[in-house]
Protein backbone atom coordinates (compact mmCIF):
# COMPACT_ATOMS: atom_id res chain seq x y z
CA MET A 1 22.57 -29.26 80.59
CA LEU A 2 20.66 -29.60 83.84
CA PRO A 3 19.19 -26.29 85.54
CA PHE A 4 20.47 -24.81 88.77
CA ARG A 5 19.31 -24.78 92.22
CA VAL A 6 20.71 -21.80 94.20
CA ASP A 7 20.95 -21.26 98.01
CA TYR A 8 21.89 -18.22 99.89
CA VAL A 9 23.11 -19.04 103.05
CA SER A 10 23.60 -15.84 105.27
CA THR A 11 26.99 -16.01 107.43
CA PHE A 12 27.06 -12.63 109.04
CA LYS A 13 25.27 -9.54 109.20
CA GLU A 14 26.99 -5.93 108.26
CA VAL A 15 27.26 -2.97 110.62
CA GLU A 16 24.68 -0.51 109.30
CA ASN A 17 25.39 3.06 108.39
CA ILE A 18 29.05 2.78 107.55
CA GLU A 19 29.82 5.76 105.08
CA ASN A 20 33.48 5.17 104.66
CA LYS A 21 34.23 2.71 102.12
CA LYS A 22 37.59 1.56 103.03
CA VAL A 23 36.25 1.16 106.83
CA ARG A 24 33.58 -1.09 105.49
CA ASP A 25 35.84 -3.03 103.12
CA ILE A 26 38.19 -3.71 106.21
CA ASP A 27 35.16 -4.63 108.32
CA ARG A 28 33.82 -7.33 105.83
CA GLU A 29 37.48 -8.81 105.26
CA ALA A 30 37.90 -9.19 109.07
CA ALA A 31 34.26 -10.60 109.19
CA LEU A 32 34.59 -12.97 106.28
CA LYS A 33 37.97 -14.29 108.01
CA SER A 34 36.45 -14.58 111.48
CA PRO A 35 37.19 -17.88 112.86
CA GLN A 36 33.36 -18.39 114.07
CA ARG A 37 32.14 -17.62 110.48
CA ILE A 38 34.78 -20.26 109.14
CA GLU A 39 33.60 -22.76 111.78
CA ASN A 40 29.93 -22.11 111.09
CA ILE A 41 30.28 -22.64 107.50
CA VAL A 42 32.00 -25.95 107.76
CA LYS A 43 29.60 -27.26 110.42
CA TYR A 44 27.18 -26.24 107.67
CA ILE A 45 28.80 -28.23 104.89
CA LEU A 46 29.25 -31.34 107.09
CA GLU A 47 25.83 -31.29 108.29
CA HIS A 48 24.08 -30.84 104.96
CA PHE A 49 26.69 -32.68 102.58
CA ASP A 50 24.65 -35.89 102.39
CA GLN A 51 21.30 -34.00 101.80
CA LYS A 52 22.79 -31.63 98.91
CA THR A 53 25.20 -34.48 97.29
CA LYS A 54 22.44 -37.50 97.91
CA ARG A 55 25.27 -39.30 99.60
CA ASN A 56 22.77 -42.09 100.77
CA ILE A 57 21.70 -42.59 97.22
CA TYR A 58 23.21 -45.22 95.23
CA TYR A 59 23.90 -45.80 91.54
CA ASN A 60 25.98 -47.39 89.01
CA LEU A 61 28.85 -45.73 87.04
CA ASN A 62 31.05 -47.73 84.81
CA ASP A 63 30.25 -51.09 86.68
CA ARG A 64 30.96 -49.22 89.97
CA ARG A 65 28.14 -48.75 92.62
CA LEU A 66 28.47 -45.23 93.84
CA ALA A 67 27.13 -43.25 96.95
CA GLY A 68 25.71 -40.02 95.87
CA PHE A 69 27.68 -37.23 94.04
CA ASN A 70 30.63 -34.94 94.86
CA SER A 71 31.43 -31.25 95.40
CA ILE A 72 33.99 -28.21 94.91
CA PHE A 73 34.33 -25.50 97.36
CA ALA A 74 35.50 -22.57 95.90
CA VAL A 75 37.26 -19.79 98.38
CA ASP A 76 38.63 -16.30 97.29
CA SER A 77 42.11 -16.64 98.48
CA ILE A 78 44.90 -19.06 99.42
CA GLU A 79 44.67 -17.74 103.13
CA MET A 80 40.90 -18.67 103.02
CA ALA A 81 41.58 -22.02 101.48
CA ILE A 82 44.14 -22.77 104.49
CA LEU A 83 41.86 -21.75 107.21
CA TYR A 84 39.03 -23.99 105.85
CA TYR A 85 41.07 -26.83 105.35
CA ALA A 86 42.35 -26.66 108.87
CA ARG A 87 38.88 -26.18 110.05
CA PHE A 88 37.64 -29.39 107.95
CA LYS A 89 40.37 -31.35 109.70
CA LYS A 90 39.59 -30.07 113.25
CA GLN A 91 35.62 -30.85 112.82
CA GLN A 92 36.13 -34.22 111.05
CA ALA A 93 38.52 -35.45 113.62
CA GLN A 94 35.32 -35.47 116.18
CA LEU A 95 33.21 -37.54 113.61
CA SER A 96 33.22 -41.49 113.28
CA SER A 97 35.10 -42.79 110.57
CA GLU A 98 31.94 -43.64 108.55
CA LYS A 99 30.89 -40.11 108.75
CA ARG A 100 33.82 -38.40 107.60
CA LEU A 101 34.35 -36.92 104.08
CA ARG A 102 37.33 -37.22 101.64
CA VAL A 103 38.44 -33.47 101.46
CA ALA A 104 41.38 -32.39 99.22
CA MET A 105 42.72 -29.20 98.59
CA ILE A 106 44.64 -27.54 95.60
CA TYR A 107 45.98 -23.96 94.68
CA SER A 108 49.04 -22.76 92.74
CA PHE A 109 50.32 -18.96 92.22
CA GLY A 110 48.07 -16.82 90.55
CA ALA A 111 48.13 -12.95 89.81
CA ASN A 112 47.16 -10.68 93.12
CA ASP A 113 44.85 -8.33 91.15
CA GLU A 114 41.31 -9.53 91.32
CA ALA A 115 39.80 -10.29 87.94
CA ILE A 116 36.77 -8.74 86.95
CA ASP A 117 34.65 -12.03 86.98
CA GLY A 118 36.28 -13.53 89.97
CA ILE A 119 38.30 -16.16 88.65
CA ILE A 120 41.98 -15.82 88.01
CA ASP A 121 43.73 -18.32 85.98
CA GLU A 122 46.37 -20.31 88.11
CA ASN A 123 49.12 -22.43 86.56
CA PRO A 124 48.49 -26.14 87.50
CA GLU A 125 52.24 -26.81 86.88
CA ASP A 126 53.82 -24.46 88.87
CA THR A 127 53.96 -23.69 92.73
CA SER A 128 57.35 -21.83 92.73
CA GLY A 129 55.58 -18.28 92.95
CA LEU A 130 53.57 -19.50 96.48
CA ASP A 131 55.35 -17.99 99.56
CA LYS A 132 56.90 -20.33 102.04
CA SER A 133 53.62 -20.65 104.60
CA ALA A 134 51.23 -21.32 101.58
CA ARG A 135 53.62 -23.97 99.98
CA ASP A 136 54.24 -25.50 103.25
CA PHE A 137 50.78 -25.97 104.24
CA LEU A 138 49.93 -27.04 100.59
CA GLU A 139 52.72 -29.72 101.20
CA GLN A 140 50.79 -30.70 104.28
CA ALA A 141 47.53 -31.18 102.39
CA ILE A 142 49.19 -33.43 99.80
CA GLN A 143 50.64 -35.39 102.26
CA ASP A 144 47.07 -36.15 103.70
CA TYR A 145 45.92 -36.92 100.18
CA ASN A 146 48.91 -39.43 100.09
CA THR A 147 47.73 -41.15 102.92
CA MET A 148 44.30 -41.29 101.91
CA PHE A 149 45.08 -42.85 98.59
CA GLY A 150 48.46 -44.43 99.15
CA THR A 151 50.31 -41.95 96.57
CA THR A 152 53.65 -40.07 96.75
CA TYR A 153 52.85 -36.51 95.49
CA ASP A 154 54.30 -33.19 96.77
CA THR A 155 54.74 -29.65 95.55
CA SER A 156 57.86 -30.13 93.43
CA SER A 157 57.18 -29.19 89.86
CA ASP A 158 56.85 -32.66 88.19
CA LYS A 159 54.97 -34.37 91.22
CA PHE A 160 52.80 -31.43 91.57
CA GLN A 161 51.75 -31.81 87.83
CA ASN A 162 51.02 -35.40 88.51
CA TYR A 163 48.87 -34.48 91.57
CA TYR A 164 46.79 -32.17 89.52
CA LYS A 165 46.14 -35.05 87.08
CA ASP A 166 45.63 -37.65 89.71
CA LEU A 167 43.19 -35.43 91.64
CA SER A 168 41.31 -34.44 88.46
CA LYS A 169 40.82 -38.38 87.85
CA ARG A 170 39.65 -39.15 91.19
CA LEU A 171 37.23 -36.39 91.40
CA LYS A 172 35.89 -37.60 88.33
CA ASN A 173 35.64 -41.11 89.51
CA ARG A 174 33.85 -39.95 92.77
CA GLU A 175 36.63 -40.80 94.99
CA ILE A 176 36.78 -37.40 96.36
CA ASP A 177 33.88 -35.74 98.44
CA ILE A 178 34.81 -31.99 98.41
CA LEU A 179 37.76 -30.33 96.63
CA LEU A 180 38.80 -27.22 97.95
CA VAL A 181 39.97 -24.56 95.44
CA VAL A 182 40.80 -21.07 94.87
CA ASN A 183 40.67 -20.81 90.91
CA MET A 184 41.55 -24.14 89.76
CA PHE A 185 38.77 -26.49 88.29
CA LEU A 186 36.12 -23.59 88.30
CA THR A 187 36.57 -23.46 84.24
CA GLY A 188 37.04 -26.21 81.78
CA PHE A 189 36.68 -28.95 83.95
CA ASP A 190 33.86 -31.45 83.60
CA ALA A 191 33.02 -34.14 85.95
CA THR A 192 29.50 -35.70 85.67
CA THR A 193 29.61 -36.97 89.41
CA LEU A 194 29.93 -33.39 90.66
CA ASN A 195 26.53 -31.96 91.62
CA THR A 196 27.37 -29.32 94.29
CA LEU A 197 29.53 -26.09 94.03
CA TRP A 198 30.14 -24.45 97.70
CA VAL A 199 31.02 -20.81 97.11
CA ASP A 200 32.77 -18.12 99.50
CA LYS A 201 34.10 -15.88 97.08
CA ASN A 202 32.91 -13.31 94.80
CA LEU A 203 31.88 -14.10 91.16
CA ARG A 204 30.66 -12.04 88.49
CA TYR A 205 29.56 -12.21 84.68
CA HIS A 206 31.18 -15.13 82.57
CA GLY A 207 33.05 -16.41 85.61
CA LEU A 208 30.05 -17.04 87.94
CA LEU A 209 28.45 -19.04 84.92
CA GLN A 210 31.67 -20.71 84.28
CA ALA A 211 32.04 -21.97 88.01
CA TYR A 212 28.07 -22.85 88.24
CA SER A 213 28.55 -24.83 85.14
CA ARG A 214 30.84 -27.28 86.84
CA THR A 215 27.70 -29.01 88.50
CA ASN A 216 25.21 -29.27 85.86
CA ARG A 217 26.81 -32.10 83.58
CA ILE A 218 24.04 -35.01 82.86
CA LEU A 219 24.61 -38.04 84.39
CA ASN A 220 21.50 -40.23 85.20
CA THR A 221 17.94 -39.75 86.48
CA VAL A 222 19.09 -39.13 90.08
CA LYS A 223 20.87 -36.13 89.06
CA THR A 224 18.19 -33.62 87.93
CA PHE A 225 19.88 -30.36 88.56
CA GLY A 226 23.07 -28.54 89.69
CA ASN A 227 23.39 -27.24 93.50
CA ILE A 228 24.97 -23.87 94.26
CA VAL A 229 25.39 -23.06 97.96
CA CYS A 230 26.47 -19.58 98.06
CA PHE A 231 27.97 -18.12 101.47
CA ARG A 232 28.02 -14.76 100.14
CA ASN A 233 25.03 -12.64 98.73
CA LEU A 234 25.40 -13.26 94.88
CA GLU A 235 21.82 -13.25 94.09
CA GLU A 236 22.14 -9.94 92.29
CA ASP A 237 25.32 -11.16 90.36
CA THR A 238 23.58 -14.55 89.54
CA ASN A 239 20.56 -12.83 87.99
CA GLU A 240 22.72 -10.22 86.16
CA ALA A 241 25.06 -12.79 84.62
CA ILE A 242 21.90 -14.94 83.55
CA ALA A 243 20.30 -11.93 81.95
CA LEU A 244 24.00 -11.39 79.99
CA PHE A 245 24.97 -14.49 78.93
CA GLY A 246 22.04 -16.95 79.40
CA ASN A 247 20.98 -17.01 75.90
CA LYS A 248 24.40 -16.88 74.30
CA GLU A 249 27.07 -18.79 76.29
CA ALA A 250 25.18 -21.06 78.96
CA SER A 251 22.92 -22.54 76.54
CA GLY A 252 19.61 -21.03 77.87
CA ILE A 253 20.48 -21.66 81.76
CA ILE A 254 17.84 -21.63 83.87
CA LEU A 255 17.27 -21.74 87.89
CA LEU A 256 15.05 -23.99 89.35
CA ARG A 257 11.91 -23.08 91.09
CA THR A 258 10.73 -22.33 94.65
CA PHE A 259 10.04 -25.18 97.08
CA GLN A 260 6.51 -24.07 97.22
CA ASP A 261 6.22 -24.28 93.48
CA TYR A 262 7.32 -27.94 93.45
CA TYR A 263 5.67 -28.84 96.66
CA ASN A 264 2.10 -27.09 95.97
CA GLY A 265 1.99 -27.05 91.80
CA TYR A 266 2.49 -24.12 89.62
CA GLU A 267 1.27 -22.61 86.28
CA GLU A 268 3.70 -22.46 83.19
CA ASN A 269 2.61 -21.39 79.62
CA ASP A 270 -0.93 -21.49 80.84
CA LYS A 271 -0.76 -25.12 81.92
CA LYS A 272 -1.05 -26.38 85.49
CA VAL A 273 1.81 -28.58 86.78
CA GLN A 274 1.20 -30.90 89.44
CA GLY A 275 2.87 -30.42 92.72
CA TYR A 276 4.10 -33.26 95.21
CA VAL A 277 0.93 -32.73 97.34
CA GLU A 278 -1.32 -33.29 94.53
CA LEU A 279 0.35 -36.27 93.29
CA VAL A 280 0.35 -37.98 96.76
CA GLN A 281 -3.45 -37.08 96.95
CA LYS A 282 -4.01 -38.79 93.64
CA LEU A 283 -2.04 -41.67 94.69
CA ARG A 284 -4.18 -42.27 97.72
CA GLU A 285 -7.45 -41.53 96.23
CA LYS A 286 -6.66 -43.71 93.19
CA PHE A 287 -4.52 -46.30 94.33
CA PRO A 288 -4.56 -47.33 98.17
CA ALA A 289 -1.44 -48.37 99.10
CA SER A 290 -2.32 -51.85 100.49
CA GLN A 291 -4.29 -52.58 97.76
CA TRP A 292 -3.23 -54.80 94.55
CA ILE A 293 -4.12 -53.24 90.94
CA ASP A 294 -5.66 -55.95 89.14
CA ASP A 295 -6.71 -54.29 85.47
CA GLN A 296 -3.82 -53.48 83.09
CA GLN A 297 -5.10 -50.00 82.14
CA SER A 298 -4.97 -49.28 86.00
CA GLN A 299 -1.63 -50.80 86.30
CA LYS A 300 -0.34 -48.43 83.63
CA GLU A 301 -1.92 -45.26 85.18
CA PHE A 302 -0.14 -46.26 88.41
CA ILE A 303 3.10 -46.59 86.84
CA GLN A 304 3.00 -43.54 85.40
CA LEU A 305 1.63 -41.74 88.54
CA TYR A 306 4.27 -43.34 90.79
CA GLY A 307 7.10 -42.53 88.14
CA SER A 308 5.69 -38.52 88.40
CA PHE A 309 6.01 -38.87 92.33
CA LEU A 310 9.40 -40.50 92.49
CA ARG A 311 10.95 -37.74 90.20
CA MET A 312 9.28 -34.92 92.33
CA ARG A 313 10.32 -36.41 95.52
CA ASN A 314 14.06 -36.97 94.08
CA LEU A 315 13.86 -32.98 93.26
CA LEU A 316 12.62 -32.03 96.70
CA GLN A 317 15.00 -34.03 98.74
CA SER A 318 17.54 -31.48 98.47
CA PHE A 319 15.24 -28.68 99.37
CA ASP A 320 15.77 -28.18 103.63
CA GLU A 321 11.92 -27.32 103.53
CA PHE A 322 10.87 -30.72 102.54
CA GLU A 323 12.13 -32.46 105.99
CA GLY A 324 8.90 -33.36 107.72
CA LYS A 325 6.47 -32.90 104.93
CA GLU A 326 6.90 -35.80 103.07
CA ILE A 327 2.81 -36.82 103.78
CA LEU A 328 3.30 -40.55 102.99
CA SER A 329 4.19 -42.55 105.81
CA GLU A 330 7.23 -45.04 105.53
CA ARG A 331 4.84 -48.08 105.37
CA GLU A 332 2.71 -46.49 102.55
CA VAL A 333 6.06 -45.79 100.45
CA GLN A 334 6.97 -49.55 101.12
CA ASP A 335 3.65 -50.84 100.06
CA TYR A 336 3.57 -48.56 96.92
CA GLN A 337 7.43 -49.39 96.19
CA GLY A 338 6.71 -53.25 96.57
CA THR A 339 3.65 -52.74 94.20
CA TYR A 340 5.94 -50.76 91.59
CA ILE A 341 8.65 -53.32 91.35
CA THR A 342 6.17 -56.41 91.14
CA LEU A 343 4.83 -54.58 88.18
CA HIS A 344 8.11 -53.83 86.57
CA GLU A 345 9.14 -57.48 87.09
CA ILE A 346 5.72 -58.53 85.34
CA TYR A 347 5.87 -56.24 82.46
CA ARG A 348 9.82 -56.94 81.92
CA LYS A 349 8.61 -60.79 81.46
CA LYS A 350 5.58 -59.64 79.19
CA GLN A 351 8.03 -57.78 77.10
CA ASP A 352 10.21 -60.58 76.11
CA VAL A 353 7.10 -62.65 74.83
CA GLU A 354 4.71 -59.84 74.03
CA LYS A 355 6.11 -56.68 73.26
CA GLU A 356 3.29 -54.73 72.78
CA TYR A 357 2.64 -54.61 76.50
CA ILE A 358 5.44 -52.04 76.80
CA ASN A 359 5.41 -49.01 74.89
CA ASP A 360 7.07 -45.52 74.81
CA ASP A 361 4.52 -44.28 77.08
CA LEU A 362 5.45 -46.64 79.73
CA VAL A 363 8.71 -46.02 81.65
CA PHE A 364 9.85 -47.33 84.91
CA GLU A 365 11.99 -45.34 87.07
CA MET A 366 14.02 -47.98 88.36
CA GLU A 367 17.26 -45.82 88.89
CA LEU A 368 14.93 -43.61 91.29
CA ILE A 369 13.89 -46.77 93.13
CA ARG A 370 17.04 -48.07 93.59
CA GLN A 371 18.34 -44.96 95.09
CA VAL A 372 17.69 -45.72 98.67
CA GLU A 373 19.56 -48.77 99.53
CA ILE A 374 18.13 -50.92 102.27
CA ASN A 375 21.14 -53.15 103.30
CA ILE A 376 20.89 -56.53 105.18
CA ASP A 377 22.03 -55.06 108.10
CA TYR A 378 18.77 -53.03 108.47
CA ILE A 379 16.96 -56.57 108.10
CA LEU A 380 18.90 -58.34 110.70
CA GLU A 381 18.24 -55.28 113.35
CA LEU A 382 14.71 -56.18 112.44
CA VAL A 383 15.08 -59.80 113.15
CA LYS A 384 16.69 -59.15 116.54
CA LYS A 385 13.89 -56.90 117.63
CA TYR A 386 11.42 -59.49 116.59
CA TYR A 387 13.01 -61.94 119.19
CA GLU A 388 13.59 -59.35 121.79
CA ASP A 389 10.13 -57.78 121.36
CA HIS A 390 7.46 -60.81 121.59
CA THR A 391 4.45 -58.13 122.15
CA GLN A 392 4.90 -56.86 118.41
CA GLY A 393 6.36 -59.64 117.00
CA ASN A 394 3.59 -60.22 114.09
CA GLU A 395 4.05 -56.35 113.33
CA ILE A 396 7.90 -56.75 112.97
CA MET A 397 7.50 -59.70 110.74
CA VAL A 398 5.11 -57.49 108.63
CA ASP A 399 7.93 -54.50 108.51
CA ILE A 400 10.47 -57.25 107.60
CA ARG A 401 8.58 -58.75 104.66
CA LYS A 402 7.33 -55.09 103.42
CA THR A 403 10.93 -53.81 103.64
CA ILE A 404 12.10 -56.79 101.43
CA SER A 405 9.59 -56.46 98.87
CA SER A 406 10.17 -52.66 98.49
CA SER A 407 13.85 -53.21 97.89
CA VAL A 408 15.15 -54.04 94.59
CA ASN A 409 18.45 -55.47 96.19
CA LEU A 410 16.59 -57.61 98.84
CA ARG A 411 13.80 -59.06 96.68
CA ASN A 412 16.12 -61.93 95.57
CA LYS A 413 17.08 -62.65 98.82
CA LYS A 414 13.49 -62.98 100.16
CA GLU A 415 13.70 -66.92 100.21
CA LEU A 416 16.98 -66.84 101.84
CA ILE A 417 16.04 -64.33 104.73
CA GLU A 418 12.93 -66.24 105.45
CA GLN A 419 14.64 -69.82 105.50
CA PHE A 420 17.34 -68.02 107.78
CA ILE A 421 14.51 -66.46 110.03
CA GLY A 422 12.96 -70.31 110.21
CA THR A 423 16.42 -71.56 111.78
CA LEU A 424 16.39 -68.98 114.67
CA SER A 425 15.40 -69.38 118.42
CA SER A 426 15.33 -66.44 120.97
CA ASN A 427 19.01 -67.57 122.10
CA SER A 428 20.30 -67.20 118.67
CA ASP A 429 23.42 -65.06 117.77
CA ILE A 430 21.92 -63.49 115.06
CA ASP A 431 24.94 -61.76 113.25
CA SER A 432 27.35 -64.89 113.71
CA GLU A 433 24.59 -67.37 112.66
CA TRP A 434 23.52 -65.40 109.52
CA GLU A 435 27.28 -65.12 108.61
CA ALA A 436 27.30 -68.97 108.86
CA PHE A 437 24.00 -69.32 107.22
CA VAL A 438 24.93 -67.46 104.23
CA LYS A 439 28.47 -69.28 103.76
CA LYS A 440 26.47 -72.65 104.08
CA LYS A 441 23.63 -71.90 101.21
CA GLN A 442 26.01 -70.03 99.03
CA LYS A 443 28.21 -73.11 98.81
CA GLU A 444 25.18 -75.36 98.39
CA ASP A 445 23.63 -73.22 95.58
CA LEU A 446 26.68 -72.86 93.60
CA GLU A 447 27.22 -76.82 93.90
CA LYS A 448 23.73 -77.28 92.55
CA ILE A 449 24.40 -75.09 89.49
CA ILE A 450 27.66 -77.14 88.78
CA GLN A 451 25.85 -80.34 88.97
CA GLU A 452 22.93 -79.47 87.21
CA GLU A 453 25.00 -78.17 84.29
CA GLN A 454 27.91 -80.40 85.04
CA LEU A 455 30.36 -77.59 85.06
CA ASP A 456 34.22 -77.87 86.07
CA GLU A 457 34.01 -77.43 89.88
CA LYS A 458 37.26 -76.04 90.28
CA GLU A 459 37.13 -73.51 87.41
CA THR A 460 33.54 -72.64 88.38
CA TYR A 461 34.61 -71.70 91.98
CA LYS A 462 37.52 -69.78 90.55
CA PHE A 463 35.34 -67.91 87.94
CA MET A 464 32.54 -66.81 90.89
CA TYR A 465 35.26 -65.73 93.17
CA ASN A 466 36.92 -63.40 90.54
CA ALA A 467 33.33 -61.99 89.99
CA PHE A 468 33.00 -61.27 93.69
CA ARG A 469 36.30 -59.70 93.75
CA SER A 470 35.92 -57.47 90.63
CA GLY A 471 32.30 -56.69 91.48
CA ARG A 472 30.85 -58.05 88.39
CA VAL A 473 30.36 -61.59 86.37
CA SER A 474 32.74 -61.62 83.31
CA THR A 475 30.74 -62.28 79.92
CA LEU A 476 33.53 -62.07 77.75
CA GLY A 477 36.63 -63.96 76.97
CA THR A 478 37.49 -67.62 77.56
CA GLU A 479 36.88 -67.58 81.43
CA LEU A 480 33.29 -68.44 80.95
CA ILE A 481 34.04 -71.07 78.29
CA SER A 482 36.63 -72.69 80.78
CA ILE A 483 33.83 -73.87 83.14
CA LEU A 484 31.68 -75.38 80.75
CA PRO A 485 31.55 -79.28 80.13
CA PRO A 486 33.43 -80.65 76.96
CA MET A 487 31.00 -80.74 74.01
CA SER A 488 31.44 -83.03 71.07
CA ARG A 489 32.73 -81.45 67.79
CA PHE A 490 29.34 -82.33 66.29
CA THR A 491 27.21 -80.57 68.89
CA PRO A 492 25.29 -77.96 66.92
CA ASN A 493 26.29 -74.20 67.67
CA SER A 494 22.97 -73.33 68.70
CA GLU A 495 23.11 -75.77 71.31
CA ARG A 496 26.32 -74.40 72.36
CA LYS A 497 25.00 -71.02 72.78
CA GLU A 498 21.93 -72.05 74.39
CA LYS A 499 24.18 -74.10 77.09
CA LYS A 500 26.18 -70.95 77.62
CA ALA A 501 23.40 -68.52 77.83
CA ARG A 502 21.70 -70.83 80.36
CA VAL A 503 24.77 -70.91 82.78
CA LEU A 504 25.40 -67.43 82.57
CA GLU A 505 22.08 -66.82 83.66
CA LYS A 506 22.08 -68.85 86.63
CA LEU A 507 25.60 -67.60 87.86
CA LEU A 508 24.26 -63.97 87.59
CA GLN A 509 21.20 -64.88 89.62
CA PHE A 510 23.81 -66.77 92.08
CA PHE A 511 25.82 -63.37 92.07
CA ASP A 512 22.95 -60.94 92.35
CA ARG A 513 21.72 -62.84 95.35
CA TYR A 514 24.96 -63.41 97.22
CA PHE A 515 27.23 -60.30 96.35
CA ASP A 516 26.44 -57.67 98.62
CA ILE A 517 25.95 -60.15 101.66
CA SER A 518 29.04 -62.19 100.98
CA SER A 519 32.82 -61.20 100.46
CA GLY A 520 33.46 -64.38 98.24
CA ARG A 521 36.39 -65.37 100.14
CA ASP A 522 34.78 -68.71 100.83
CA LEU A 523 34.20 -69.22 96.80
CA ILE A 524 37.69 -71.04 96.88
CA ALA A 525 37.39 -74.82 95.82
CA ASP A 526 38.69 -76.92 98.25
């Protein structure tokens, strides 16, 4: 299991010197449900969602490319769930479509008495105990869900059970950004794509650890800890729960250190752990950003040092305090990234023929490299700027080349992009001309593969069209065999395998070059 990072976000100040406990409780209850507090918390979540869940960071899961992780928002009553859901709808209506989050909600009937640990078992199969207003609102929320996903669920017994199952599946598949709950999904539910729990309810003891533990299931090197964001002061309860259960039921649960520790370094077991500042200083001193590294030993040192930098930066990016303290300029990061990716390509090739070049001590953090997506739209904007601003033309071209070199996804498009730039003039309509250029080059490149390998043209186009539609090149079954040229039954089996492997490699390279810049609609043979 991963460690936790817990943030305590203050949402209101209590009036001091209230001696009467009942008066204090009434005052707290009113304050917790106040429209302004609900408004501020929803605003905070919408503003910090991308940062906490790494929404702008990409990774692969089961042949799907996903953006960041998702979250659960736990509140202490159905009434609060209704208030929050309505406020999310209102605030999101003011956002552009690409900024909106997919918010879902679920609750069912539970006992009225508050459990000692803050979690009461809810029956996922029964809404009959809900009063009319709560059931009517849940019905509306499920209709929103139906609109979002094209489903037909409601609060009737059978359909609500299926809604619960479908919701669970979509949460695991990262199709939902925020799931608003009262008690459901806080115990027993595991989703590796979940990394954040927003909390506006009182939790204690085992219930607190159970709820927190929804976020810390291991997935990949991008997800290094579970995020807990508390809108109530649960610090004492958190420390008490860890002290009571940490070594028994939470598998040695641990909390992350402070921002300052990771940024400036700290000591642990009489050993100095380098912080972000020290890692950046070493990078700059030992490996100036714009200089190539020649000797093999220095290359390996750089690979290890930059890997440590990537891991530490990935950890710090969820801390609010990190903004503006990155130290390295964007240009320096591009230079280092370009060197790192080039070395990865060099050592990967060496590994094929000389396996001693890579050992267990040399690990490339390519998942962390790929996490910041630079798409073709960004490059096209730079190209437009290049033609609009003649005074900084050379500088912009340097930016274009460095940006391409620092991106795993754009490197194999470098020649394509440079060829396109060579066709332009100051009067060019860059967006439409890029689309036409890609369409033309895509067909030319596929025709070249077909001719070189004497493939069946119609079947090859169909094969690649299906690849673009599904998001991957099929390597199994008879699909690939159907595009290969007929061979004599006397052809050695080794030759058949070699031919198949060579064709597959060319088609994979073609797919990687064009997949994220073309819809594949043009890959239909005339």
